[in-house]
C-alpha atoms as a PDB file:
ATOM      1  CA  MET A   1     -23.046 -14.146 -86.128  1.00  0.00           C
ATOM      2  CA  GLU A   2     -22.553 -12.703 -82.662  1.00  0.00           C
ATOM      3  CA  LEU A   3     -19.025 -11.580 -83.638  1.00  0.00           C
ATOM      4  CA  GLU A   4     -20.364  -9.739 -86.666  1.00  0.00           C
ATOM      5  CA  LYS A   5     -22.846  -7.886 -84.475  1.00  0.00           C
ATOM      6  CA  ASP A   6     -20.066  -6.738 -82.123  1.00  0.00           C
ATOM      7  CA  VAL A   7     -18.053  -5.107 -84.923  1.00  0.00           C
ATOM      8  CA  GLN A   8     -19.482  -1.738 -85.888  1.00  0.00           C
ATOM      9  CA  PRO A   9     -19.907  -0.998 -89.595  1.00  0.00           C
ATOM     10  CA  LEU A  10     -17.692   1.563 -91.305  1.00  0.00           C
ATOM     11  CA  PRO A  11     -19.069   5.055 -91.916  1.00  0.00           C
ATOM     12  CA  PRO A  12     -20.260   5.746 -95.463  1.00  0.00           C
ATOM     13  CA  ARG A  13     -17.473   8.294 -96.063  1.00  0.00           C
ATOM     14  CA  TYR A  14     -14.388   7.326 -94.157  1.00  0.00           C
ATOM     15  CA  ARG A  15     -10.775   8.113 -94.832  1.00  0.00           C
ATOM     16  CA  PHE A  16      -7.989   5.579 -94.718  1.00  0.00           C
ATOM     17  CA  ARG A  17      -6.295   7.665 -92.055  1.00  0.00           C
ATOM     18  CA  ASP A  18      -9.374   7.208 -89.863  1.00  0.00           C
ATOM     19  CA  LEU A  19      -9.146   3.458 -90.307  1.00  0.00           C
ATOM     20  CA  LEU A  20      -5.435   3.548 -89.511  1.00  0.00           C
ATOM     21  CA  MET A  21      -5.766   5.780 -86.448  1.00  0.00           C
ATOM     22  CA  GLY A  22      -8.947   4.097 -85.221  1.00  0.00           C
ATOM     23  CA  ASP A  23     -11.026   7.274 -85.055  1.00  0.00           C
ATOM     24  CA  TRP A  24     -14.187   5.636 -86.327  1.00  0.00           C
ATOM     25  CA  GLN A  25     -14.482   3.308 -83.329  1.00  0.00           C
ATOM     26  CA  GLN A  26     -12.995   3.037 -79.872  1.00  0.00           C
ATOM     27  CA  ASP A  27     -12.474  -0.705 -79.776  1.00  0.00           C
ATOM     28  CA  ASP A  28      -9.149  -2.118 -78.589  1.00  0.00           C
ATOM     29  CA  ARG A  29      -9.871  -5.483 -80.195  1.00  0.00           C
ATOM     30  CA  VAL A  30      -9.303  -4.074 -83.695  1.00  0.00           C
ATOM     31  CA  HIS A  31      -5.589  -3.706 -84.690  1.00  0.00           C
ATOM     32  CA  VAL A  32      -4.730  -2.319 -88.091  1.00  0.00           C
ATOM     33  CA  GLU A  33      -1.140  -2.543 -89.406  1.00  0.00           C
ATOM     34  CA  PHE A  34      -0.084  -0.522 -92.418  1.00  0.00           C
ATOM     35  CA  TYR A  35       3.280  -0.991 -94.125  1.00  0.00           C
ATOM     36  CA  VAL A  36       4.556   1.814 -96.316  1.00  0.00           C
ATOM     37  CA  ASN A  37       6.854   0.819 -99.184  1.00  0.00           C
ATOM     38  CA  GLU A  38       7.712   4.326-100.314  1.00  0.00           C
ATOM     39  CA  ASN A  39      11.272   5.281-101.208  1.00  0.00           C
ATOM     40  CA  SER A  40      12.834   8.260 -99.508  1.00  0.00           C
ATOM     41  CA  PHE A  41      14.402  11.164-101.375  1.00  0.00           C
ATOM     42  CA  LYS A  42      17.875   9.675-100.879  1.00  0.00           C
ATOM     43  CA  GLU A  43      16.755   6.312-102.242  1.00  0.00           C
ATOM     44  CA  ARG A  44      15.249   7.968-105.287  1.00  0.00           C
ATOM     45  CA  LEU A  45      18.495   9.826-105.969  1.00  0.00           C
ATOM     46  CA  LYS A  46      20.462   6.624-105.462  1.00  0.00           C
ATOM     47  CA  LEU A  47      18.146   4.841-107.877  1.00  0.00           C
ATOM     48  CA  PHE A  48      18.805   7.495-110.517  1.00  0.00           C
ATOM     49  CA  PHE A  49      22.543   8.103-110.035  1.00  0.00           C
ATOM     50  CA  ILE A  50      23.794   4.657-108.968  1.00  0.00           C
ATOM     51  CA  LYS A  51      21.359   1.772-109.436  1.00  0.00           C
ATOM     52  CA  ASN A  52      20.038   2.717-112.858  1.00  0.00           C
ATOM     53  CA  GLN A  53      22.643   1.514-115.348  1.00  0.00           C
ATOM     54  CA  ARG A  54      21.831   4.037-118.051  1.00  0.00           C
ATOM     55  CA  SER A  55      21.809   7.117-115.831  1.00  0.00           C
ATOM     56  CA  SER A  56      24.813   5.848-113.849  1.00  0.00           C
ATOM     57  CA  LEU A  57      26.769   5.465-117.078  1.00  0.00           C
ATOM     58  CA  ARG A  58      25.850   9.007-118.093  1.00  0.00           C
ATOM     59  CA  VAL A  59      27.007  10.346-114.732  1.00  0.00           C
ATOM     60  CA  ARG A  60      30.346   8.555-115.061  1.00  0.00           C
ATOM     61  CA  VAL A  61      30.836   9.847-118.603  1.00  0.00           C
ATOM     62  CA  PHE A  62      30.051  13.381-117.435  1.00  0.00           C
ATOM     63  CA  ASN A  63      32.440  13.039-114.491  1.00  0.00           C
ATOM     64  CA  CYS A  64      35.252  11.743-116.704  1.00  0.00           C
ATOM     65  CA  SER A  65      34.665  14.535-119.240  1.00  0.00           C
ATOM     66  CA  LEU A  66      34.748  17.115-116.456  1.00  0.00           C
ATOM     67  CA  LYS A  67      38.115  15.876-115.192  1.00  0.00           C
ATOM     68  CA  LEU A  68      39.575  15.826-118.694  1.00  0.00           C
ATOM     69  CA  LEU A  69      38.319  19.374-119.231  1.00  0.00           C
ATOM     70  CA  SER A  70      40.077  20.523-116.060  1.00  0.00           C
ATOM     71  CA  CYS A  71      43.326  18.932-117.278  1.00  0.00           C
ATOM     72  CA  LEU A  72      42.904  20.686-120.630  1.00  0.00           C
ATOM     73  CA  LEU A  73      42.415  24.026-118.871  1.00  0.00           C
ATOM     74  CA  TYR A  74      45.581  23.378-116.886  1.00  0.00           C
ATOM     75  CA  ILE A  75      47.538  22.792-120.109  1.00  0.00           C
ATOM     76  CA  ILE A  76      46.130  26.025-121.551  1.00  0.00           C
ATOM     77  CA  ARG A  77      47.190  27.881-118.406  1.00  0.00           C
ATOM     78  CA  VAL A  78      50.727  26.497-118.724  1.00  0.00           C
ATOM     79  CA  LEU A  79      50.943  27.457-122.406  1.00  0.00           C
ATOM     80  CA  LEU A  80      49.770  30.997-121.672  1.00  0.00           C
ATOM     81  CA  ASP A  81      52.125  31.377-118.728  1.00  0.00           C
ATOM     82  CA  ASP A  82      55.729  32.366-119.367  1.00  0.00           C
ATOM     83  CA  PRO A  83      57.939  30.048-117.260  1.00  0.00           C
ATOM     84  CA  ARG A  84      60.550  32.807-116.978  1.00  0.00           C
ATOM     85  CA  GLU A  85      58.108  35.182-115.313  1.00  0.00           C
ATOM     86  CA  SER A  86      56.132  34.943-112.114  1.00  0.00           C
ATOM     87  CA  ARG A  87      54.317  37.319-109.835  1.00  0.00           C
ATOM     88  CA  GLY A  88      56.234  38.260-106.773  1.00  0.00           C
ATOM     89  CA  GLY A  89      54.053  36.665-104.143  1.00  0.00           C
ATOM     90  CA  CYS A  90      50.513  37.923-104.754  1.00  0.00           C
ATOM     91  CA  TRP A  91      47.881  38.622-107.372  1.00  0.00           C
ATOM     92  CA  GLU A  92      48.439  42.360-107.837  1.00  0.00           C
ATOM     93  CA  CYS A  93      52.219  42.454-107.382  1.00  0.00           C
ATOM     94  CA  THR A  94      54.593  43.324-110.192  1.00  0.00           C
ATOM     95  CA  LYS A  95      56.238  40.585-112.211  1.00  0.00           C
ATOM     96  CA  GLN A  96      59.790  39.541-111.523  1.00  0.00           C
ATOM     97  CA  ASN A  97      62.186  37.647-113.737  1.00  0.00           C
ATOM     98  CA  TYR A  98      63.623  34.363-112.483  1.00  0.00           C
ATOM     99  CA  SER A  99      66.471  32.885-114.440  1.00  0.00           C
ATOM    100  CA  ALA A 100      68.386  29.686-113.895  1.00  0.00           C
ATOM    101  CA  GLN A 101      71.433  31.570-112.624  1.00  0.00           C
ATOM    102  CA  GLN A 102      69.577  33.077-109.683  1.00  0.00           C
ATOM    103  CA  LYS A 103      69.262  31.431-106.312  1.00  0.00           C
ATOM    104  CA  PHE A 104      66.521  28.859-105.898  1.00  0.00           C
ATOM    105  CA  ASP A 105      63.298  30.550-104.818  1.00  0.00           C
ATOM    106  CA  TRP A 106      59.885  29.100-103.998  1.00  0.00           C
ATOM    107  CA  THR A 107      58.014  32.112-105.378  1.00  0.00           C
ATOM    108  CA  PRO A 108      57.710  30.939-109.030  1.00  0.00           C
ATOM    109  CA  ILE A 109      56.523  27.560-107.736  1.00  0.00           C
ATOM    110  CA  ILE A 110      53.827  28.919-105.435  1.00  0.00           C
ATOM    111  CA  TRP A 111      52.565  31.666-107.774  1.00  0.00           C
ATOM    112  CA  VAL A 112      51.604  31.373-111.440  1.00  0.00           C
ATOM    113  CA  ASN A 113      50.060  33.668-114.031  1.00  0.00           C
ATOM    114  CA  ARG A 114      46.376  32.757-114.428  1.00  0.00           C
ATOM    115  CA  PRO A 115      44.278  35.042-116.672  1.00  0.00           C
ATOM    116  CA  LEU A 116      40.921  36.103-115.293  1.00  0.00           C
ATOM    117  CA  PRO A 117      38.729  34.353-117.956  1.00  0.00           C
ATOM    118  CA  LEU A 118      40.673  31.140-117.485  1.00  0.00           C
ATOM    119  CA  TRP A 119      40.320  31.461-113.726  1.00  0.00           C
ATOM    120  CA  GLY A 120      36.554  31.830-114.133  1.00  0.00           C
ATOM    121  CA  LEU A 121      36.347  28.652-116.226  1.00  0.00           C
ATOM    122  CA  GLN A 122      38.417  26.703-113.714  1.00  0.00           C
ATOM    123  CA  VAL A 123      36.241  27.924-110.843  1.00  0.00           C
ATOM    124  CA  LEU A 124      33.089  26.880-112.718  1.00  0.00           C
ATOM    125  CA  VAL A 125      34.470  23.402-113.433  1.00  0.00           C
ATOM    126  CA  ALA A 126      35.621  23.051-109.820  1.00  0.00           C
ATOM    127  CA  LEU A 127      32.195  24.115-108.538  1.00  0.00           C
ATOM    128  CA  ILE A 128      30.345  21.544-110.649  1.00  0.00           C
ATOM    129  CA  SER A 129      32.837  18.822-109.783  1.00  0.00           C
ATOM    130  CA  PHE A 130      32.655  19.599-106.063  1.00  0.00           C
ATOM    131  CA  TRP A 131      28.872  19.395-105.807  1.00  0.00           C
ATOM    132  CA  GLU A 132      28.791  16.239-107.900  1.00  0.00           C
ATOM    133  CA  THR A 133      31.348  14.612-105.596  1.00  0.00           C
ATOM    134  CA  MET A 134      29.461  15.677-102.477  1.00  0.00           C
ATOM    135  CA  LEU A 135      26.215  14.286-103.905  1.00  0.00           C
ATOM    136  CA  LEU A 136      27.776  10.924-104.771  1.00  0.00           C
ATOM    137  CA  THR A 137      29.477  10.811-101.359  1.00  0.00           C
ATOM    138  CA  TYR A 138      26.135  11.459 -99.662  1.00  0.00           C
ATOM    139  CA  LEU A 139      24.453   8.720-101.675  1.00  0.00           C
ATOM    140  CA  GLY A 140      27.264   6.264-100.952  1.00  0.00           C
ATOM    141  CA  TYR A 141      27.276   6.955 -97.203  1.00  0.00           C
ATOM    142  CA  LYS A 142      26.546   3.773 -95.230  1.00  0.00           C
ATOM    143  CA  GLY A 143      27.253   4.786 -91.636  1.00  0.00           C
ATOM    144  CA  ASN A 144      31.050   5.237 -91.652  1.00  0.00           C
ATOM    145  CA  ILE A 145      31.889   8.838 -92.505  1.00  0.00           C
ATOM    146  CA  TRP A 146      35.660   8.318 -92.266  1.00  0.00           C
ATOM    147  CA  GLU A 147      35.511   5.632 -94.914  1.00  0.00           C
ATOM    148  CA  GLN A 148      34.094   8.216 -97.306  1.00  0.00           C
ATOM    149  CA  LEU A 149      36.380  11.092 -96.313  1.00  0.00           C
ATOM    150  CA  LEU A 150      39.660   9.149 -96.340  1.00  0.00           C
ATOM    151  CA  ARG A 151      39.272   7.732 -99.822  1.00  0.00           C
ATOM    152  CA  ILE A 152      42.007   8.837-102.215  1.00  0.00           C
ATOM    153  CA  PRO A 153      39.568  10.076-104.924  1.00  0.00           C
ATOM    154  CA  PHE A 154      37.748  12.221-102.352  1.00  0.00           C
ATOM    155  CA  ILE A 155      41.026  13.695-101.058  1.00  0.00           C
ATOM    156  CA  LEU A 156      42.183  14.509-104.598  1.00  0.00           C
ATOM    157  CA  GLU A 157      38.818  16.095-105.337  1.00  0.00           C
ATOM    158  CA  MET A 158      39.006  18.360-102.300  1.00  0.00           C
ATOM    159  CA  LEU A 159      42.624  19.243-103.105  1.00  0.00           C
ATOM    160  CA  ASN A 160      41.680  20.429-106.597  1.00  0.00           C
ATOM    161  CA  THR A 161      38.356  22.158-105.860  1.00  0.00           C
ATOM    162  CA  LEU A 162      38.424  23.806-102.420  1.00  0.00           C
ATOM    163  CA  PRO A 163      41.359  26.163-103.238  1.00  0.00           C
ATOM    164  CA  PHE A 164      39.326  27.630-106.112  1.00  0.00           C
ATOM    165  CA  PHE A 165      36.493  28.427-103.693  1.00  0.00           C
ATOM    166  CA  VAL A 166      38.966  30.280-101.479  1.00  0.00           C
ATOM    167  CA  THR A 167      40.106  32.379-104.446  1.00  0.00           C
ATOM    168  CA  ILE A 168      36.527  33.582-104.972  1.00  0.00           C
ATOM    169  CA  PHE A 169      36.451  35.319-101.592  1.00  0.00           C
ATOM    170  CA  TRP A 170      40.153  36.234-101.472  1.00  0.00           C
ATOM    171  CA  PRO A 171      41.307  37.682-104.830  1.00  0.00           C
ATOM    172  CA  PRO A 172      45.045  37.867-103.917  1.00  0.00           C
ATOM    173  CA  LEU A 173      45.106  34.056-104.073  1.00  0.00           C
ATOM    174  CA  ARG A 174      43.768  33.799-107.623  1.00  0.00           C
ATOM    175  CA  ASN A 175      47.252  33.150-108.966  1.00  0.00           C
ATOM    176  CA  VAL A 176      48.261  30.552-106.403  1.00  0.00           C
ATOM    177  CA  PHE A 177      49.310  27.224-107.873  1.00  0.00           C
ATOM    178  CA  ILE A 178      46.750  24.396-107.689  1.00  0.00           C
ATOM    179  CA  PRO A 179      47.775  20.898-108.899  1.00  0.00           C
ATOM    180  CA  VAL A 180      44.829  20.491-111.260  1.00  0.00           C
ATOM    181  CA  PHE A 181      46.775  17.987-113.379  1.00  0.00           C
ATOM    182  CA  LEU A 182      46.103  15.378-110.670  1.00  0.00           C
ATOM    183  CA  ASN A 183      42.545  15.225-111.991  1.00  0.00           C
ATOM    184  CA  CYS A 184      43.858  12.790-114.595  1.00  0.00           C
ATOM    185  CA  TRP A 185      43.784  10.114-111.876  1.00  0.00           C
ATOM    186  CA  LEU A 186      40.167  10.986-111.086  1.00  0.00           C
ATOM    187  CA  ALA A 187      39.365  10.705-114.796  1.00  0.00           C
ATOM    188  CA  LYS A 188      41.057   7.305-114.832  1.00  0.00           C
ATOM    189  CA  HIS A 189      39.027   6.267-111.780  1.00  0.00           C
ATOM    190  CA  ALA A 190      35.746   7.308-113.420  1.00  0.00           C
ATOM    191  CA  LEU A 191      36.727   5.616-116.678  1.00  0.00           C
ATOM    192  CA  GLU A 192      37.667   2.434-114.830  1.00  0.00           C
ATOM    193  CA  ASN A 193      34.288   2.338-113.063  1.00  0.00           C
ATOM    194  CA  MET A 194      32.537   2.919-116.368  1.00  0.00           C
ATOM    195  CA  ILE A 195      34.452   0.076-118.035  1.00  0.00           C
ATOM    196  CA  ASN A 196      33.664  -2.244-115.114  1.00  0.00           C
ATOM    197  CA  ASP A 197      29.956  -1.453-115.427  1.00  0.00           C
ATOM    198  CA  LEU A 198      30.073  -2.280-119.122  1.00  0.00           C
ATOM    199  CA  HIS A 199      31.932  -5.513-118.372  1.00  0.00           C
ATOM    200  CA  ARG A 200      29.280  -6.605-115.878  1.00  0.00           C
ATOM    201  CA  ALA A 201      26.634  -5.915-118.494  1.00  0.00           C
ATOM    202  CA  ILE A 202      28.446  -7.866-121.232  1.00  0.00           C
ATOM    203  CA  GLN A 203      29.806 -10.700-119.020  1.00  0.00           C
ATOM    204  CA  ARG A 204      32.429 -11.971-121.446  1.00  0.00           C
ATOM    205  CA  THR A 205      35.983 -13.072-120.785  1.00  0.00           C
ATOM    206  CA  HIS A 206      37.599 -11.222-123.685  1.00  0.00           C
ATOM    207  CA  SER A 207      35.948  -7.973-122.575  1.00  0.00           C
ATOM    208  CA  ALA A 208      37.506  -8.397-119.104  1.00  0.00           C
ATOM    209  CA  MET A 209      40.954  -8.865-120.640  1.00  0.00           C
ATOM    210  CA  PHE A 210      40.423  -5.790-122.807  1.00  0.00           C
ATOM    211  CA  ASN A 211      39.455  -3.845-119.680  1.00  0.00           C
ATOM    212  CA  GLN A 212      42.696  -4.780-117.932  1.00  0.00           C
ATOM    213  CA  VAL A 213      44.801  -3.814-120.952  1.00  0.00           C
ATOM    214  CA  PHE A 214      42.912  -0.539-121.218  1.00  0.00           C
ATOM    215  CA  ILE A 215      43.449   0.197-117.509  1.00  0.00           C
ATOM    216  CA  LEU A 216      47.178  -0.520-117.926  1.00  0.00           C
ATOM    217  CA  ILE A 217      47.389   1.978-120.792  1.00  0.00           C
ATOM    218  CA  CYS A 218      45.479   4.589-118.767  1.00  0.00           C
ATOM    219  CA  THR A 219      47.845   4.066-115.822  1.00  0.00           C
ATOM    220  CA  LEU A 220      50.858   4.668-118.061  1.00  0.00           C
ATOM    221  CA  ILE A 221      49.277   7.825-119.475  1.00  0.00           C
ATOM    222  CA  CYS A 222      48.457   9.156-115.991  1.00  0.00           C
ATOM    223  CA  LEU A 223      51.987   8.469-114.748  1.00  0.00           C
ATOM    224  CA  MET A 224      53.503  10.247-117.729  1.00  0.00           C
ATOM    225  CA  PHE A 225      51.109  13.200-117.512  1.00  0.00           C
ATOM    226  CA  THR A 226      51.697  13.640-113.771  1.00  0.00           C
ATOM    227  CA  CYS A 227      55.456  13.495-114.204  1.00  0.00           C
ATOM    228  CA  ILE A 228      55.409  15.907-117.169  1.00  0.00           C
ATOM    229  CA  CYS A 229      53.265  18.541-115.453  1.00  0.00           C
ATOM    230  CA  GLY A 230      55.001  18.173-112.095  1.00  0.00           C
ATOM    231  CA  ILE A 231      58.525  18.540-113.467  1.00  0.00           C
ATOM    232  CA  GLN A 232      57.528  21.407-115.740  1.00  0.00           C
ATOM    233  CA  HIS A 233      56.036  23.328-112.831  1.00  0.00           C
ATOM    234  CA  LEU A 234      58.844  22.668-110.364  1.00  0.00           C
ATOM    235  CA  GLU A 235      61.462  23.630-112.927  1.00  0.00           C
ATOM    236  CA  ARG A 236      59.944  27.113-113.139  1.00  0.00           C
ATOM    237  CA  ALA A 237      62.384  27.916-110.350  1.00  0.00           C
ATOM    238  CA  GLY A 238      65.231  26.063-112.012  1.00  0.00           C
ATOM    239  CA  ASN A 239      65.709  25.173-115.662  1.00  0.00           C
ATOM    240  CA  ASN A 240      62.515  26.853-117.018  1.00  0.00           C
ATOM    241  CA  LEU A 241      61.361  23.799-118.950  1.00  0.00           C
ATOM    242  CA  THR A 242      58.400  23.879-121.289  1.00  0.00           C
ATOM    243  CA  LEU A 243      55.822  21.116-121.553  1.00  0.00           C
ATOM    244  CA  PHE A 244      57.575  19.688-124.601  1.00  0.00           C
ATOM    245  CA  ASP A 245      60.945  19.689-122.811  1.00  0.00           C
ATOM    246  CA  SER A 246      59.366  17.936-119.845  1.00  0.00           C
ATOM    247  CA  LEU A 247      57.711  15.403-122.167  1.00  0.00           C
ATOM    248  CA  TYR A 248      61.055  14.730-123.841  1.00  0.00           C
ATOM    249  CA  PHE A 249      62.770  14.281-120.477  1.00  0.00           C
ATOM    250  CA  CYS A 250      60.103  11.862-119.179  1.00  0.00           C
ATOM    251  CA  ILE A 251      60.169   9.699-122.313  1.00  0.00           C
ATOM    252  CA  VAL A 252      63.965   9.539-122.289  1.00  0.00           C
ATOM    253  CA  THR A 253      64.019   8.737-118.565  1.00  0.00           C
ATOM    254  CA  PHE A 254      61.259   6.095-118.494  1.00  0.00           C
ATOM    255  CA  SER A 255      62.681   4.403-121.585  1.00  0.00           C
ATOM    256  CA  THR A 256      66.043   4.090-119.725  1.00  0.00           C
ATOM    257  CA  VAL A 257      67.878   5.846-122.578  1.00  0.00           C
ATOM    258  CA  GLY A 258      69.053   8.833-120.556  1.00  0.00           C
ATOM    259  CA  PHE A 259      70.775  11.218-122.968  1.00  0.00           C
ATOM    260  CA  GLY A 260      71.393  13.731-120.190  1.00  0.00           C
ATOM    261  CA  ASP A 261      70.801  16.843-122.295  1.00  0.00           C
ATOM    262  CA  VAL A 262      67.669  17.783-120.291  1.00  0.00           C
ATOM    263  CA  THR A 263      67.884  17.233-116.541  1.00  0.00           C
ATOM    264  CA  PRO A 264      66.151  18.727-113.481  1.00  0.00           C
ATOM    265  CA  LYS A 265      68.285  21.352-111.770  1.00  0.00           C
ATOM    266  CA  ILE A 266      66.626  21.797-108.369  1.00  0.00           C
ATOM    267  CA  TRP A 267      66.029  19.258-105.633  1.00  0.00           C
ATOM    268  CA  PRO A 268      62.155  19.337-105.621  1.00  0.00           C
ATOM    269  CA  SER A 269      61.984  18.229-109.252  1.00  0.00           C
ATOM    270  CA  GLN A 270      64.717  15.651-108.670  1.00  0.00           C
ATOM    271  CA  LEU A 271      62.744  14.291-105.716  1.00  0.00           C
ATOM    272  CA  LEU A 272      59.619  14.115-107.876  1.00  0.00           C
ATOM    273  CA  VAL A 273      61.484  12.071-110.498  1.00  0.00           C
ATOM    274  CA  VAL A 274      62.620   9.614-107.818  1.00  0.00           C
ATOM    275  CA  ILE A 275      59.071   9.295-106.454  1.00  0.00           C
ATOM    276  CA  MET A 276      57.546   8.750-109.899  1.00  0.00           C
ATOM    277  CA  ILE A 277      60.110   6.062-110.759  1.00  0.00           C
ATOM    278  CA  CYS A 278      59.382   4.251-107.479  1.00  0.00           C
ATOM    279  CA  VAL A 279      55.627   4.473-108.093  1.00  0.00           C
ATOM    280  CA  ALA A 280      56.082   3.142-111.629  1.00  0.00           C
ATOM    281  CA  LEU A 281      58.169   0.225-110.336  1.00  0.00           C
ATOM    282  CA  ILE A 282      55.363  -0.672-107.904  1.00  0.00           C
ATOM    283  CA  VAL A 283      52.208   0.007-109.934  1.00  0.00           C
ATOM    284  CA  LEU A 284      53.175  -1.194-113.406  1.00  0.00           C
ATOM    285  CA  PRO A 285      54.243  -4.755-112.412  1.00  0.00           C
ATOM    286  CA  ILE A 286      50.915  -5.197-110.611  1.00  0.00           C
ATOM    287  CA  GLN A 287      49.004  -4.098-113.706  1.00  0.00           C
ATOM    288  CA  VAL A 288      51.107  -6.302-115.993  1.00  0.00           C
ATOM    289  CA  THR A 289      50.564  -9.303-113.687  1.00  0.00           C
ATOM    290  CA  THR A 290      46.807  -8.739-113.781  1.00  0.00           C
ATOM    291  CA  VAL A 291      46.834  -8.543-117.585  1.00  0.00           C
ATOM    292  CA  THR A 292      48.887 -11.757-117.772  1.00  0.00           C
ATOM    293  CA  LEU A 293      46.433 -13.523-115.466  1.00  0.00           C
ATOM    294  CA  TRP A 294      43.453 -12.504-117.583  1.00  0.00           C
ATOM    295  CA  LEU A 295      45.338 -13.538-120.726  1.00  0.00           C
ATOM    296  CA  SER A 296      45.854 -17.025-119.315  1.00  0.00           C
ATOM    297  CA  VAL A 297      42.152 -17.227-118.415  1.00  0.00           C
ATOM    298  CA  PHE A 298      41.220 -16.106-121.917  1.00  0.00           C
ATOM    299  CA  GLN A 299      43.493 -18.714-123.504  1.00  0.00           C
ATOM    300  CA  ALA A 300      41.997 -21.411-121.274  1.00  0.00           C
ATOM    301  CA  HIS A 301      38.565 -20.739-122.793  1.00  0.00           C
ATOM    302  CA  LEU A 302      39.870 -21.035-126.358  1.00  0.00           C
ATOM    303  CA  PRO A 303      39.760 -24.395-128.185  1.00  0.00           C
ATOM    304  CA  PRO A 304      43.086 -26.135-128.837  1.00  0.00           C
ATOM    305  CA  TYR A 305      44.939 -25.127-131.973  1.00  0.00           C
ATOM    306  CA  SER A 306      44.750 -28.671-133.407  1.00  0.00           C
ATOM    307  CA  LEU A 307      40.954 -28.627-133.204  1.00  0.00           C
ATOM    308  CA  VAL A 308      40.878 -25.296-134.997  1.00  0.00           C
ATOM    309  CA  LEU A 309      43.083 -26.688-137.794  1.00  0.00           C
ATOM    310  CA  SER A 310      40.974 -29.841-138.143  1.00  0.00           C
ATOM    311  CA  ALA A 311      37.768 -27.797-138.270  1.00  0.00           C
ATOM    312  CA  SER A 312      39.192 -25.480-140.918  1.00  0.00           C
ATOM    313  CA  SER A 313      40.475 -28.416-143.015  1.00  0.00           C
ATOM    314  CA  SER A 314      37.103 -30.181-142.836  1.00  0.00           C
ATOM    315  CA  LYS A 315      35.369 -27.023-144.020  1.00  0.00           C
ATOM    316  CA  ALA A 316      37.848 -26.742-146.907  1.00  0.00           C
ATOM    317  CA  LYS A 317      37.045 -30.307-148.014  1.00  0.00           C
END
């Protein structure tokens, strides 16, 4: 009873801040602790873009579609560009003709013909992709900035987006070559993350094996697309190959047929072929080994073939 008399009653109209700050009484014996469980703005964004499965899946689908759109715009740019013509070093210079008989020159490799509407679309796609990447990098930051900056997807993203920003403020660089076809690997990365999220939601063995087979097919497609676009562009200064000629050469080369009717004429494209073959010899066996491992795991979960036959015969009787 004496303790209750020592504690002063609360005012009739008090605010919780007054109770927290102790403004209503000057007594050191009263200690009030208040724990706030309120998410910050970063945590709310992370909850929407990463932790929420539905919204995270939508973000990955949008990211993959954006990369595929950039690759499609690159193909359109190649089809509209005449491989026998290139601008002589800048945006407003006159066109010059480069044939296979002339001396090897880097000018048709560095400069391409990019129409202004197509350039505007590529800049818009690069702008959206850049800010999306920066937002996801900010949300995934956990204290080590170099771990975020030195990731291969982040480096590829900066390589394919920052040059377009430079062309906005410096028009003479609007026709400089940008390897946008490398976005196919970013599309594969987004698609792989999306498939992994679906696999964790399903949690089945056969879905995991399907994921590995699907990733193997995507790796083959990305290798072929990179080799096709790279050789076609480098041969602008050599054999003036079209996309179809480059596709024919890559299929003949990777299938080890080697007719020899279409071959790269300059050393940069020859070096690219050597690099792509070495990458294929390293990456593809790893993917095939992973698929074989998952196939063995899938077969281990299946019932023996004799039990299946006995069950089917008993049902027939």
